[in-house]
Amino acid sequence: MFKPTPNPPVTPSVEIIDPRIADRALSHYNLGPDAGSKAAPKTVLHGHLPDPRNQEDALVNVYSILQSAAATAYEHADNQTGSNRKVAMGVVHLIELAQLRMDSVLDGQAAGASG
């Protein structure tokens, strides 16, 4: 009988892991023994986003991002079946709810600015 993979070696050739490397990897992913006491680092994308001049510009930027996310989620949902499609459509629905909320905020600001 032919096996595509060989049997594992009889004697393990496990190398000793340097504890400094392990500590560095665990602290990078916030997985150390005191992981619960520290807050997870936040990813900041300020360098990748345009600097909004006012709150309305920021809301319009967020709305544009939501439109892109909705298109991506909907395209993904079209390629799924069963429960995976339901989950993807749930994401689409949540994004659409966020878009509706953004519409109401933008409409409220437009009404406040004109009146």
PDB file of N, CA and C in Angstrom:
ATOM      1  N   MET A   1       0.838  -1.180   0.000  1.00  0.00           N
ATOM      2  CA  MET A   1       0.000   0.000   0.000  1.00  0.00           C
ATOM      3  C   MET A   1       0.884   1.245   0.000  1.00  0.00           C
ATOM      4  N   PHE A   2       0.574   2.167  -0.860  1.00  0.00           N
ATOM      5  CA  PHE A   2       1.351   3.399  -0.987  1.00  0.00           C
ATOM      6  C   PHE A   2       0.680   4.522  -0.205  1.00  0.00           C
ATOM      7  N   LYS A   3       1.450   5.214   0.622  1.00  0.00           N
ATOM      8  CA  LYS A   3       0.949   6.367   1.378  1.00  0.00           C
ATOM      9  C   LYS A   3       1.585   7.632   0.804  1.00  0.00           C
ATOM     10  N   PRO A   4       0.803   8.658   0.577  1.00  0.00           N
ATOM     11  CA  PRO A   4       1.375   9.885   0.015  1.00  0.00           C
ATOM     12  C   PRO A   4       2.277  10.628   0.996  1.00  0.00           C
ATOM     13  N   THR A   5       2.116  10.397   2.287  1.00  0.00           N
ATOM     14  CA  THR A   5       2.979  11.049   3.276  1.00  0.00           C
ATOM     15  C   THR A   5       3.678   9.979   4.105  1.00  0.00           C
ATOM     16  N   PRO A   6       4.912  10.196   4.472  1.00  0.00           N
ATOM     17  CA  PRO A   6       5.636   9.197   5.270  1.00  0.00           C
ATOM     18  C   PRO A   6       5.193   9.220   6.728  1.00  0.00           C
ATOM     19  N   ASN A   7       5.541   8.179   7.437  1.00  0.00           N
ATOM     20  CA  ASN A   7       5.271   8.136   8.876  1.00  0.00           C
ATOM     21  C   ASN A   7       6.126   9.177   9.579  1.00  0.00           C
ATOM     22  N   PRO A   8       5.663   9.690  10.722  1.00  0.00           N
ATOM     23  CA  PRO A   8       6.492  10.639  11.466  1.00  0.00           C
ATOM     24  C   PRO A   8       7.744   9.952  11.996  1.00  0.00           C
ATOM     25  N   PRO A   9       8.774  10.721  12.274  1.00  0.00           N
ATOM     26  CA  PRO A   9       9.996  10.101  12.790  1.00  0.00           C
ATOM     27  C   PRO A   9       9.755   9.433  14.136  1.00  0.00           C
ATOM     28  N   VAL A  10      10.529   8.402  14.402  1.00  0.00           N
ATOM     29  CA  VAL A  10      10.374   7.644  15.646  1.00  0.00           C
ATOM     30  C   VAL A  10      10.768   8.497  16.844  1.00  0.00           C
ATOM     31  N   THR A  11      11.854   9.211  16.748  1.00  0.00           N
ATOM     32  CA  THR A  11      12.283  10.084  17.843  1.00  0.00           C
ATOM     33  C   THR A  11      11.947  11.526  17.473  1.00  0.00           C
ATOM     34  N   PRO A  12      11.262  12.235  18.341  1.00  0.00           N
ATOM     35  CA  PRO A  12      10.919  13.614  18.006  1.00  0.00           C
ATOM     36  C   PRO A  12      12.163  14.493  17.958  1.00  0.00           C
ATOM     37  N   SER A  13      12.206  15.364  16.994  1.00  0.00           N
ATOM     38  CA  SER A  13      13.333  16.297  16.867  1.00  0.00           C
ATOM     39  C   SER A  13      12.866  17.700  17.235  1.00  0.00           C
ATOM     40  N   VAL A  14      12.278  17.794  18.423  1.00  0.00           N
ATOM     41  CA  VAL A  14      11.762  19.081  18.883  1.00  0.00           C
ATOM     42  C   VAL A  14      12.929  19.921  19.377  1.00  0.00           C
ATOM     43  N   GLU A  15      13.012  21.121  18.837  1.00  0.00           N
ATOM     44  CA  GLU A  15      14.047  22.044  19.280  1.00  0.00           C
ATOM     45  C   GLU A  15      13.520  22.854  20.458  1.00  0.00           C
ATOM     46  N   ILE A  16      14.417  23.320  21.265  1.00  0.00           N
ATOM     47  CA  ILE A  16      14.029  24.132  22.407  1.00  0.00           C
ATOM     48  C   ILE A  16      13.727  25.546  21.909  1.00  0.00           C
ATOM     49  N   ILE A  17      12.561  26.044  22.291  1.00  0.00           N
ATOM     50  CA  ILE A  17      12.150  27.381  21.881  1.00  0.00           C
ATOM     51  C   ILE A  17      12.713  28.398  22.869  1.00  0.00           C
ATOM     52  N   ASP A  18      13.309  29.433  22.334  1.00  0.00           N
ATOM     53  CA  ASP A  18      13.860  30.503  23.157  1.00  0.00           C
ATOM     54  C   ASP A  18      12.706  31.200  23.886  1.00  0.00           C
ATOM     55  N   PRO A  19      12.693  31.255  25.211  1.00  0.00           N
ATOM     56  CA  PRO A  19      11.587  31.865  25.945  1.00  0.00           C
ATOM     57  C   PRO A  19      11.385  33.341  25.605  1.00  0.00           C
ATOM     58  N   ARG A  20      12.460  34.037  25.237  1.00  0.00           N
ATOM     59  CA  ARG A  20      12.301  35.453  24.868  1.00  0.00           C
ATOM     60  C   ARG A  20      11.459  35.596  23.606  1.00  0.00           C
ATOM     61  N   ILE A  21      11.650  34.671  22.657  1.00  0.00           N
ATOM     62  CA  ILE A  21      10.871  34.718  21.418  1.00  0.00           C
ATOM     63  C   ILE A  21       9.409  34.397  21.709  1.00  0.00           C
ATOM     64  N   ALA A  22       9.182  33.400  22.559  1.00  0.00           N
ATOM     65  CA  ALA A  22       7.809  33.038  22.912  1.00  0.00           C
ATOM     66  C   ALA A  22       7.113  34.191  23.635  1.00  0.00           C
ATOM     67  N   ASP A  23       7.811  34.841  24.567  1.00  0.00           N
ATOM     68  CA  ASP A  23       7.222  35.977  25.284  1.00  0.00           C
ATOM     69  C   ASP A  23       6.897  37.130  24.341  1.00  0.00           C
ATOM     70  N   ARG A  24       7.792  37.365  23.391  1.00  0.00           N
ATOM     71  CA  ARG A  24       7.553  38.450  22.439  1.00  0.00           C
ATOM     72  C   ARG A  24       6.336  38.157  21.561  1.00  0.00           C
ATOM     73  N   ALA A  25       6.206  36.912  21.108  1.00  0.00           N
ATOM     74  CA  ALA A  25       5.056  36.546  20.276  1.00  0.00           C
ATOM     75  C   ALA A  25       3.762  36.637  21.077  1.00  0.00           C
ATOM     76  N   LEU A  26       3.778  36.149  22.314  1.00  0.00           N
ATOM     77  CA  LEU A  26       2.576  36.203  23.139  1.00  0.00           C
ATOM     78  C   LEU A  26       2.186  37.639  23.474  1.00  0.00           C
ATOM     79  N   SER A  27       3.167  38.493  23.746  1.00  0.00           N
ATOM     80  CA  SER A  27       2.832  39.873  24.073  1.00  0.00           C
ATOM     81  C   SER A  27       2.355  40.630  22.839  1.00  0.00           C
ATOM     82  N   HIS A  28       2.861  40.262  21.657  1.00  0.00           N
ATOM     83  CA  HIS A  28       2.404  40.925  20.430  1.00  0.00           C
ATOM     84  C   HIS A  28       0.919  40.673  20.200  1.00  0.00           C
ATOM     85  N   TYR A  29       0.476  39.460  20.472  1.00  0.00           N
ATOM     86  CA  TYR A  29      -0.923  39.108  20.268  1.00  0.00           C
ATOM     87  C   TYR A  29      -1.743  39.206  21.557  1.00  0.00           C
ATOM     88  N   ASN A  30      -1.159  39.789  22.601  1.00  0.00           N
ATOM     89  CA  ASN A  30      -1.843  39.991  23.871  1.00  0.00           C
ATOM     90  C   ASN A  30      -2.368  38.671  24.429  1.00  0.00           C
ATOM     91  N   LEU A  31      -1.503  37.639  24.445  1.00  0.00           N
ATOM     92  CA  LEU A  31      -1.891  36.311  24.907  1.00  0.00           C
ATOM     93  C   LEU A  31      -1.113  35.860  26.134  1.00  0.00           C
ATOM     94  N   GLY A  32      -0.396  36.740  26.767  1.00  0.00           N
ATOM     95  CA  GLY A  32       0.413  36.357  27.909  1.00  0.00           C
ATOM     96  C   GLY A  32      -0.419  36.039  29.127  1.00  0.00           C
ATOM     97  N   PRO A  33       0.231  35.700  30.264  1.00  0.00           N
ATOM     98  CA  PRO A  33      -0.499  35.335  31.472  1.00  0.00           C
ATOM     99  C   PRO A  33      -1.362  36.458  32.028  1.00  0.00           C
ATOM    100  N   ASP A  34      -0.975  37.708  31.812  1.00  0.00           N
ATOM    101  CA  ASP A  34      -1.778  38.828  32.297  1.00  0.00           C
ATOM    102  C   ASP A  34      -2.519  39.516  31.149  1.00  0.00           C
ATOM    103  N   ALA A  35      -2.975  38.733  30.177  1.00  0.00           N
ATOM    104  CA  ALA A  35      -3.632  39.295  28.991  1.00  0.00           C
ATOM    105  C   ALA A  35      -4.943  39.976  29.343  1.00  0.00           C
ATOM    106  N   GLY A  36      -5.659  39.489  30.351  1.00  0.00           N
ATOM    107  CA  GLY A  36      -6.942  40.069  30.702  1.00  0.00           C
ATOM    108  C   GLY A  36      -6.818  41.446  31.324  1.00  0.00           C
ATOM    109  N   SER A  37      -5.652  41.766  31.890  1.00  0.00           N
ATOM    110  CA  SER A  37      -5.506  43.038  32.577  1.00  0.00           C
ATOM    111  C   SER A  37      -5.168  44.182  31.633  1.00  0.00           C
ATOM    112  N   LYS A  38      -4.685  43.869  30.407  1.00  0.00           N
ATOM    113  CA  LYS A  38      -4.329  44.917  29.458  1.00  0.00           C
ATOM    114  C   LYS A  38      -5.390  45.030  28.375  1.00  0.00           C
ATOM    115  N   ALA A  39      -5.617  46.240  27.927  1.00  0.00           N
ATOM    116  CA  ALA A  39      -6.544  46.444  26.808  1.00  0.00           C
ATOM    117  C   ALA A  39      -5.848  46.075  25.509  1.00  0.00           C
ATOM    118  N   ALA A  40      -6.601  45.519  24.587  1.00  0.00           N
ATOM    119  CA  ALA A  40      -6.036  45.150  23.291  1.00  0.00           C
ATOM    120  C   ALA A  40      -5.686  46.411  22.524  1.00  0.00           C
ATOM    121  N   PRO A  41      -4.568  46.391  21.783  1.00  0.00           N
ATOM    122  CA  PRO A  41      -4.205  47.587  21.027  1.00  0.00           C
ATOM    123  C   PRO A  41      -5.208  47.842  19.908  1.00  0.00           C
ATOM    124  N   LYS A  42      -5.474  49.122  19.678  1.00  0.00           N
ATOM    125  CA  LYS A  42      -6.423  49.509  18.640  1.00  0.00           C
ATOM    126  C   LYS A  42      -5.662  49.842  17.366  1.00  0.00           C
ATOM    127  N   THR A  43      -6.217  49.413  16.243  1.00  0.00           N
ATOM    128  CA  THR A  43      -5.621  49.727  14.960  1.00  0.00           C
ATOM    129  C   THR A  43      -6.106  51.101  14.523  1.00  0.00           C
ATOM    130  N   VAL A  44      -5.182  51.962  14.180  1.00  0.00           N
ATOM    131  CA  VAL A  44      -5.521  53.316  13.776  1.00  0.00           C
ATOM    132  C   VAL A  44      -5.163  53.477  12.304  1.00  0.00           C
ATOM    133  N   LEU A  45      -6.127  53.953  11.519  1.00  0.00           N
ATOM    134  CA  LEU A  45      -5.920  54.101  10.085  1.00  0.00           C
ATOM    135  C   LEU A  45      -5.944  55.564   9.656  1.00  0.00           C
ATOM    136  N   HIS A  46      -5.530  56.458  10.536  1.00  0.00           N
ATOM    137  CA  HIS A  46      -5.617  57.883  10.216  1.00  0.00           C
ATOM    138  C   HIS A  46      -4.809  58.237   8.973  1.00  0.00           C
ATOM    139  N   GLY A  47      -3.696  57.577   8.739  1.00  0.00           N
ATOM    140  CA  GLY A  47      -2.872  57.882   7.583  1.00  0.00           C
ATOM    141  C   GLY A  47      -3.508  57.478   6.269  1.00  0.00           C
ATOM    142  N   HIS A  48      -4.495  56.587   6.317  1.00  0.00           N
ATOM    143  CA  HIS A  48      -5.121  56.087   5.099  1.00  0.00           C
ATOM    144  C   HIS A  48      -6.432  56.788   4.764  1.00  0.00           C
ATOM    145  N   LEU A  49      -6.932  57.591   5.664  1.00  0.00           N
ATOM    146  CA  LEU A  49      -8.225  58.242   5.454  1.00  0.00           C
ATOM    147  C   LEU A  49      -8.022  59.730   5.200  1.00  0.00           C
ATOM    148  N   PRO A  50      -8.875  60.312   4.345  1.00  0.00           N
ATOM    149  CA  PRO A  50      -8.760  61.753   4.144  1.00  0.00           C
ATOM    150  C   PRO A  50      -9.150  62.495   5.417  1.00  0.00           C
ATOM    151  N   ASP A  51      -8.532  63.633   5.609  1.00  0.00           N
ATOM    152  CA  ASP A  51      -8.815  64.435   6.795  1.00  0.00           C
ATOM    153  C   ASP A  51     -10.131  65.179   6.582  1.00  0.00           C
ATOM    154  N   PRO A  52     -11.203  64.799   7.301  1.00  0.00           N
ATOM    155  CA  PRO A  52     -12.480  65.477   7.087  1.00  0.00           C
ATOM    156  C   PRO A  52     -12.427  66.901   7.636  1.00  0.00           C
ATOM    157  N   ARG A  53     -13.007  67.820   6.873  1.00  0.00           N
ATOM    158  CA  ARG A  53     -13.007  69.225   7.290  1.00  0.00           C
ATOM    159  C   ARG A  53     -14.093  69.505   8.313  1.00  0.00           C
ATOM    160  N   ASN A  54     -15.173  68.753   8.252  1.00  0.00           N
ATOM    161  CA  ASN A  54     -16.224  68.932   9.238  1.00  0.00           C
ATOM    162  C   ASN A  54     -16.933  67.597   9.452  1.00  0.00           C
ATOM    163  N   GLN A  55     -17.882  67.605  10.326  1.00  0.00           N
ATOM    164  CA  GLN A  55     -18.564  66.366  10.684  1.00  0.00           C
ATOM    165  C   GLN A  55     -19.364  65.795   9.511  1.00  0.00           C
ATOM    166  N   GLU A  56     -19.934  66.651   8.686  1.00  0.00           N
ATOM    167  CA  GLU A  56     -20.716  66.162   7.553  1.00  0.00           C
ATOM    168  C   GLU A  56     -19.831  65.416   6.556  1.00  0.00           C
ATOM    169  N   ASP A  57     -18.618  65.943   6.305  1.00  0.00           N
ATOM    170  CA  ASP A  57     -17.693  65.237   5.414  1.00  0.00           C
ATOM    171  C   ASP A  57     -17.323  63.868   5.982  1.00  0.00           C
ATOM    172  N   ALA A  58     -17.134  63.810   7.291  1.00  0.00           N
ATOM    173  CA  ALA A  58     -16.812  62.535   7.922  1.00  0.00           C
ATOM    174  C   ALA A  58     -17.964  61.548   7.766  1.00  0.00           C
ATOM    175  N   LEU A  59     -19.192  62.032   7.939  1.00  0.00           N
ATOM    176  CA  LEU A  59     -20.350  61.156   7.788  1.00  0.00           C
ATOM    177  C   LEU A  59     -20.517  60.681   6.353  1.00  0.00           C
ATOM    178  N   VAL A  60     -20.241  61.543   5.400  1.00  0.00           N
ATOM    179  CA  VAL A  60     -20.318  61.148   3.993  1.00  0.00           C
ATOM    180  C   VAL A  60     -19.257  60.092   3.690  1.00  0.00           C
ATOM    181  N   ASN A  61     -18.053  60.247   4.262  1.00  0.00           N
ATOM    182  CA  ASN A  61     -17.009  59.233   4.080  1.00  0.00           C
ATOM    183  C   ASN A  61     -17.432  57.894   4.670  1.00  0.00           C
ATOM    184  N   VAL A  62     -18.020  57.918   5.854  1.00  0.00           N
ATOM    185  CA  VAL A  62     -18.481  56.684   6.487  1.00  0.00           C
ATOM    186  C   VAL A  62     -19.584  56.035   5.653  1.00  0.00           C
ATOM    187  N   TYR A  63     -20.472  56.843   5.123  1.00  0.00           N
ATOM    188  CA  TYR A  63     -21.554  56.316   4.286  1.00  0.00           C
ATOM    189  C   TYR A  63     -20.990  55.640   3.039  1.00  0.00           C
ATOM    190  N   SER A  64     -19.972  56.225   2.442  1.00  0.00           N
ATOM    191  CA  SER A  64     -19.326  55.635   1.271  1.00  0.00           C
ATOM    192  C   SER A  64     -18.682  54.290   1.620  1.00  0.00           C
ATOM    193  N   ILE A  65     -18.053  54.227   2.786  1.00  0.00           N
ATOM    194  CA  ILE A  65     -17.455  52.971   3.240  1.00  0.00           C
ATOM    195  C   ILE A  65     -18.537  51.920   3.452  1.00  0.00           C
ATOM    196  N   LEU A  66     -19.664  52.321   4.027  1.00  0.00           N
ATOM    197  CA  LEU A  66     -20.772  51.389   4.225  1.00  0.00           C
ATOM    198  C   LEU A  66     -21.326  50.879   2.893  1.00  0.00           C
ATOM    199  N   GLN A  67     -21.393  51.745   1.888  1.00  0.00           N
ATOM    200  CA  GLN A  67     -21.847  51.309   0.571  1.00  0.00           C
ATOM    201  C   GLN A  67     -20.916  50.243   0.001  1.00  0.00           C
ATOM    202  N   SER A  68     -19.626  50.442   0.136  1.00  0.00           N
ATOM    203  CA  SER A  68     -18.656  49.457  -0.350  1.00  0.00           C
ATOM    204  C   SER A  68     -18.781  48.149   0.417  1.00  0.00           C
ATOM    205  N   ALA A  69     -18.954  48.238   1.729  1.00  0.00           N
ATOM    206  CA  ALA A  69     -19.106  47.034   2.545  1.00  0.00           C
ATOM    207  C   ALA A  69     -20.377  46.284   2.175  1.00  0.00           C
ATOM    208  N   ALA A  70     -21.466  47.013   1.925  1.00  0.00           N
ATOM    209  CA  ALA A  70     -22.726  46.370   1.546  1.00  0.00           C
ATOM    210  C   ALA A  70     -22.583  45.662   0.210  1.00  0.00           C
ATOM    211  N   ALA A  71     -21.938  46.293  -0.750  1.00  0.00           N
ATOM    212  CA  ALA A  71     -21.747  45.664  -2.066  1.00  0.00           C
ATOM    213  C   ALA A  71     -20.902  44.400  -1.940  1.00  0.00           C
ATOM    214  N   THR A  72     -19.856  44.459  -1.125  1.00  0.00           N
ATOM    215  CA  THR A  72     -18.996  43.291  -0.927  1.00  0.00           C
ATOM    216  C   THR A  72     -19.759  42.170  -0.235  1.00  0.00           C
ATOM    217  N   ALA A  73     -20.502  42.490   0.812  1.00  0.00           N
ATOM    218  CA  ALA A  73     -21.248  41.466   1.556  1.00  0.00           C
ATOM    219  C   ALA A  73     -22.344  40.855   0.683  1.00  0.00           C
ATOM    220  N   TYR A  74     -23.009  41.679  -0.111  1.00  0.00           N
ATOM    221  CA  TYR A  74     -24.079  41.166  -0.969  1.00  0.00           C
ATOM    222  C   TYR A  74     -23.509  40.245  -2.043  1.00  0.00           C
ATOM    223  N   GLU A  75     -22.382  40.619  -2.606  1.00  0.00           N
ATOM    224  CA  GLU A  75     -21.728  39.766  -3.615  1.00  0.00           C
ATOM    225  C   GLU A  75     -21.314  38.434  -2.989  1.00  0.00           C
ATOM    226  N   HIS A  76     -20.827  38.485  -1.758  1.00  0.00           N
ATOM    227  CA  HIS A  76     -20.453  37.260  -1.053  1.00  0.00           C
ATOM    228  C   HIS A  76     -21.688  36.401  -0.784  1.00  0.00           C
ATOM    229  N   ALA A  77     -22.793  37.029  -0.413  1.00  0.00           N
ATOM    230  CA  ALA A  77     -24.028  36.288  -0.123  1.00  0.00           C
ATOM    231  C   ALA A  77     -24.544  35.579  -1.371  1.00  0.00           C
ATOM    232  N   ASP A  78     -24.358  36.198  -2.541  1.00  0.00           N
ATOM    233  CA  ASP A  78     -24.819  35.570  -3.782  1.00  0.00           C
ATOM    234  C   ASP A  78     -24.088  34.272  -4.080  1.00  0.00           C
ATOM    235  N   ASN A  79     -22.874  34.132  -3.566  1.00  0.00           N
ATOM    236  CA  ASN A  79     -22.078  32.933  -3.835  1.00  0.00           C
ATOM    237  C   ASN A  79     -22.230  31.862  -2.761  1.00  0.00           C
ATOM    238  N   GLN A  80     -23.127  32.060  -1.806  1.00  0.00           N
ATOM    239  CA  GLN A  80     -23.310  31.117  -0.708  1.00  0.00           C
ATOM    240  C   GLN A  80     -24.667  30.430  -0.805  1.00  0.00           C
ATOM    241  N   THR A  81     -24.796  29.329  -0.068  1.00  0.00           N
ATOM    242  CA  THR A  81     -26.075  28.632   0.019  1.00  0.00           C
ATOM    243  C   THR A  81     -26.347  28.271   1.472  1.00  0.00           C
ATOM    244  N   GLY A  82     -27.594  28.001   1.776  1.00  0.00           N
ATOM    245  CA  GLY A  82     -27.979  27.533   3.110  1.00  0.00           C
ATOM    246  C   GLY A  82     -27.714  28.544   4.202  1.00  0.00           C
ATOM    247  N   SER A  83     -27.202  28.024   5.316  1.00  0.00           N
ATOM    248  CA  SER A  83     -26.996  28.886   6.489  1.00  0.00           C
ATOM    249  C   SER A  83     -25.897  29.919   6.249  1.00  0.00           C
ATOM    250  N   ASN A  84     -24.903  29.594   5.410  1.00  0.00           N
ATOM    251  CA  ASN A  84     -23.860  30.586   5.109  1.00  0.00           C
ATOM    252  C   ASN A  84     -24.455  31.791   4.384  1.00  0.00           C
ATOM    253  N   ARG A  85     -25.421  31.550   3.507  1.00  0.00           N
ATOM    254  CA  ARG A  85     -26.083  32.660   2.811  1.00  0.00           C
ATOM    255  C   ARG A  85     -26.892  33.500   3.793  1.00  0.00           C
ATOM    256  N   LYS A  86     -27.541  32.841   4.748  1.00  0.00           N
ATOM    257  CA  LYS A  86     -28.325  33.582   5.743  1.00  0.00           C
ATOM    258  C   LYS A  86     -27.426  34.489   6.583  1.00  0.00           C
ATOM    259  N   VAL A  87     -26.255  33.989   6.950  1.00  0.00           N
ATOM    260  CA  VAL A  87     -25.321  34.800   7.732  1.00  0.00           C
ATOM    261  C   VAL A  87     -24.848  35.991   6.905  1.00  0.00           C
ATOM    262  N   ALA A  88     -24.487  35.735   5.640  1.00  0.00           N
ATOM    263  CA  ALA A  88     -24.017  36.828   4.781  1.00  0.00           C
ATOM    264  C   ALA A  88     -25.120  37.856   4.549  1.00  0.00           C
ATOM    265  N   MET A  89     -26.338  37.402   4.375  1.00  0.00           N
ATOM    266  CA  MET A  89     -27.451  38.339   4.192  1.00  0.00           C
ATOM    267  C   MET A  89     -27.734  39.105   5.490  1.00  0.00           C
ATOM    268  N   GLY A  90     -27.475  38.482   6.631  1.00  0.00           N
ATOM    269  CA  GLY A  90     -27.587  39.190   7.907  1.00  0.00           C
ATOM    270  C   GLY A  90     -26.603  40.344   7.979  1.00  0.00           C
ATOM    271  N   VAL A  91     -25.387  40.121   7.479  1.00  0.00           N
ATOM    272  CA  VAL A  91     -24.387  41.198   7.441  1.00  0.00           C
ATOM    273  C   VAL A  91     -24.866  42.318   6.513  1.00  0.00           C
ATOM    274  N   VAL A  92     -25.412  41.937   5.356  1.00  0.00           N
ATOM    275  CA  VAL A  92     -25.954  42.936   4.428  1.00  0.00           C
ATOM    276  C   VAL A  92     -27.043  43.753   5.128  1.00  0.00           C
ATOM    277  N   HIS A  93     -27.914  43.080   5.847  1.00  0.00           N
ATOM    278  CA  HIS A  93     -29.011  43.763   6.547  1.00  0.00           C
ATOM    279  C   HIS A  93     -28.479  44.739   7.598  1.00  0.00           C
ATOM    280  N   LEU A  94     -27.469  44.323   8.358  1.00  0.00           N
ATOM    281  CA  LEU A  94     -26.889  45.211   9.367  1.00  0.00           C
ATOM    282  C   LEU A  94     -26.253  46.439   8.732  1.00  0.00           C
ATOM    283  N   ILE A  95     -25.590  46.245   7.604  1.00  0.00           N
ATOM    284  CA  ILE A  95     -24.977  47.378   6.912  1.00  0.00           C
ATOM    285  C   ILE A  95     -26.060  48.324   6.399  1.00  0.00           C
ATOM    286  N   GLU A  96     -27.148  47.761   5.870  1.00  0.00           N
ATOM    287  CA  GLU A  96     -28.242  48.609   5.390  1.00  0.00           C
ATOM    288  C   GLU A  96     -28.883  49.393   6.537  1.00  0.00           C
ATOM    289  N   LEU A  97     -28.988  48.779   7.712  1.00  0.00           N
ATOM    290  CA  LEU A  97     -29.511  49.510   8.876  1.00  0.00           C
ATOM    291  C   LEU A  97     -28.587  50.666   9.251  1.00  0.00           C
ATOM    292  N   ALA A  98     -27.271  50.421   9.186  1.00  0.00           N
ATOM    293  CA  ALA A  98     -26.320  51.495   9.475  1.00  0.00           C
ATOM    294  C   ALA A  98     -26.433  52.607   8.439  1.00  0.00           C
ATOM    295  N   GLN A  99     -26.665  52.240   7.173  1.00  0.00           N
ATOM    296  CA  GLN A  99     -26.842  53.252   6.138  1.00  0.00           C
ATOM    297  C   GLN A  99     -28.097  54.087   6.380  1.00  0.00           C
ATOM    298  N   LEU A 100     -29.169  53.440   6.804  1.00  0.00           N
ATOM    299  CA  LEU A 100     -30.393  54.185   7.122  1.00  0.00           C
ATOM    300  C   LEU A 100     -30.154  55.160   8.267  1.00  0.00           C
ATOM    301  N   ARG A 101     -29.404  54.724   9.261  1.00  0.00           N
ATOM    302  CA  ARG A 101     -29.090  55.603  10.391  1.00  0.00           C
ATOM    303  C   ARG A 101     -28.253  56.792   9.922  1.00  0.00           C
ATOM    304  N   MET A 102     -27.301  56.521   9.036  1.00  0.00           N
ATOM    305  CA  MET A 102     -26.482  57.599   8.492  1.00  0.00           C
ATOM    306  C   MET A 102     -27.336  58.581   7.700  1.00  0.00           C
ATOM    307  N   ASP A 103     -28.296  58.062   6.929  1.00  0.00           N
ATOM    308  CA  ASP A 103     -29.213  58.935   6.183  1.00  0.00           C
ATOM    309  C   ASP A 103     -29.966  59.862   7.123  1.00  0.00           C
ATOM    310  N   SER A 104     -30.448  59.301   8.227  1.00  0.00           N
ATOM    311  CA  SER A 104     -31.217  60.136   9.163  1.00  0.00           C
ATOM    312  C   SER A 104     -30.331  61.191   9.811  1.00  0.00           C
ATOM    313  N   VAL A 105     -29.085  60.848  10.105  1.00  0.00           N
ATOM    314  CA  VAL A 105     -28.166  61.827  10.697  1.00  0.00           C
ATOM    315  C   VAL A 105     -27.846  62.922   9.691  1.00  0.00           C
ATOM    316  N   LEU A 106     -27.559  62.517   8.441  1.00  0.00           N
ATOM    317  CA  LEU A 106     -27.246  63.511   7.414  1.00  0.00           C
ATOM    318  C   LEU A 106     -28.448  64.407   7.112  1.00  0.00           C
ATOM    319  N   ASP A 107     -29.652  63.820   7.073  1.00  0.00           N
ATOM    320  CA  ASP A 107     -30.858  64.612   6.841  1.00  0.00           C
ATOM    321  C   ASP A 107     -31.094  65.588   7.991  1.00  0.00           C
ATOM    322  N   GLY A 108     -30.827  65.149   9.209  1.00  0.00           N
ATOM    323  CA  GLY A 108     -30.996  66.020  10.373  1.00  0.00           C
ATOM    324  C   GLY A 108     -30.023  67.171  10.340  1.00  0.00           C
ATOM    325  N   GLN A 109     -28.790  66.925   9.905  1.00  0.00           N
ATOM    326  CA  GLN A 109     -27.796  68.004   9.812  1.00  0.00           C
ATOM    327  C   GLN A 109     -28.149  68.980   8.694  1.00  0.00           C
ATOM    328  N   ALA A 110     -28.665  68.430   7.579  1.00  0.00           N
ATOM    329  CA  ALA A 110     -29.038  69.305   6.461  1.00  0.00           C
ATOM    330  C   ALA A 110     -30.210  70.195   6.865  1.00  0.00           C
ATOM    331  N   ALA A 111     -31.166  69.644   7.608  1.00  0.00           N
ATOM    332  CA  ALA A 111     -32.321  70.422   8.050  1.00  0.00           C
ATOM    333  C   ALA A 111     -31.873  71.481   9.061  1.00  0.00           C
ATOM    334  N   GLY A 112     -30.938  71.124   9.950  1.00  0.00           N
ATOM    335  CA  GLY A 112     -30.463  72.078  10.944  1.00  0.00           C
ATOM    336  C   GLY A 112     -29.648  73.205  10.311  1.00  0.00           C
ATOM    337  N   ALA A 113     -28.918  72.882   9.238  1.00  0.00           N
ATOM    338  CA  ALA A 113     -28.076  73.899   8.590  1.00  0.00           C
ATOM    339  C   ALA A 113     -28.914  74.859   7.763  1.00  0.00           C
ATOM    340  N   SER A 114     -30.024  74.352   7.171  1.00  0.00           N
ATOM    341  CA  SER A 114     -30.820  75.215   6.318  1.00  0.00           C
ATOM    342  C   SER A 114     -31.880  76.000   7.082  1.00  0.00           C
ATOM    343  N   GLY A 115     -32.207  75.554   8.311  1.00  0.00           N
ATOM    344  CA  GLY A 115     -33.301  76.178   9.035  1.00  0.00           C
ATOM    345  C   GLY A 115     -32.903  77.004  10.148  1.00  0.00           C
TER     346      GLY A 115
END
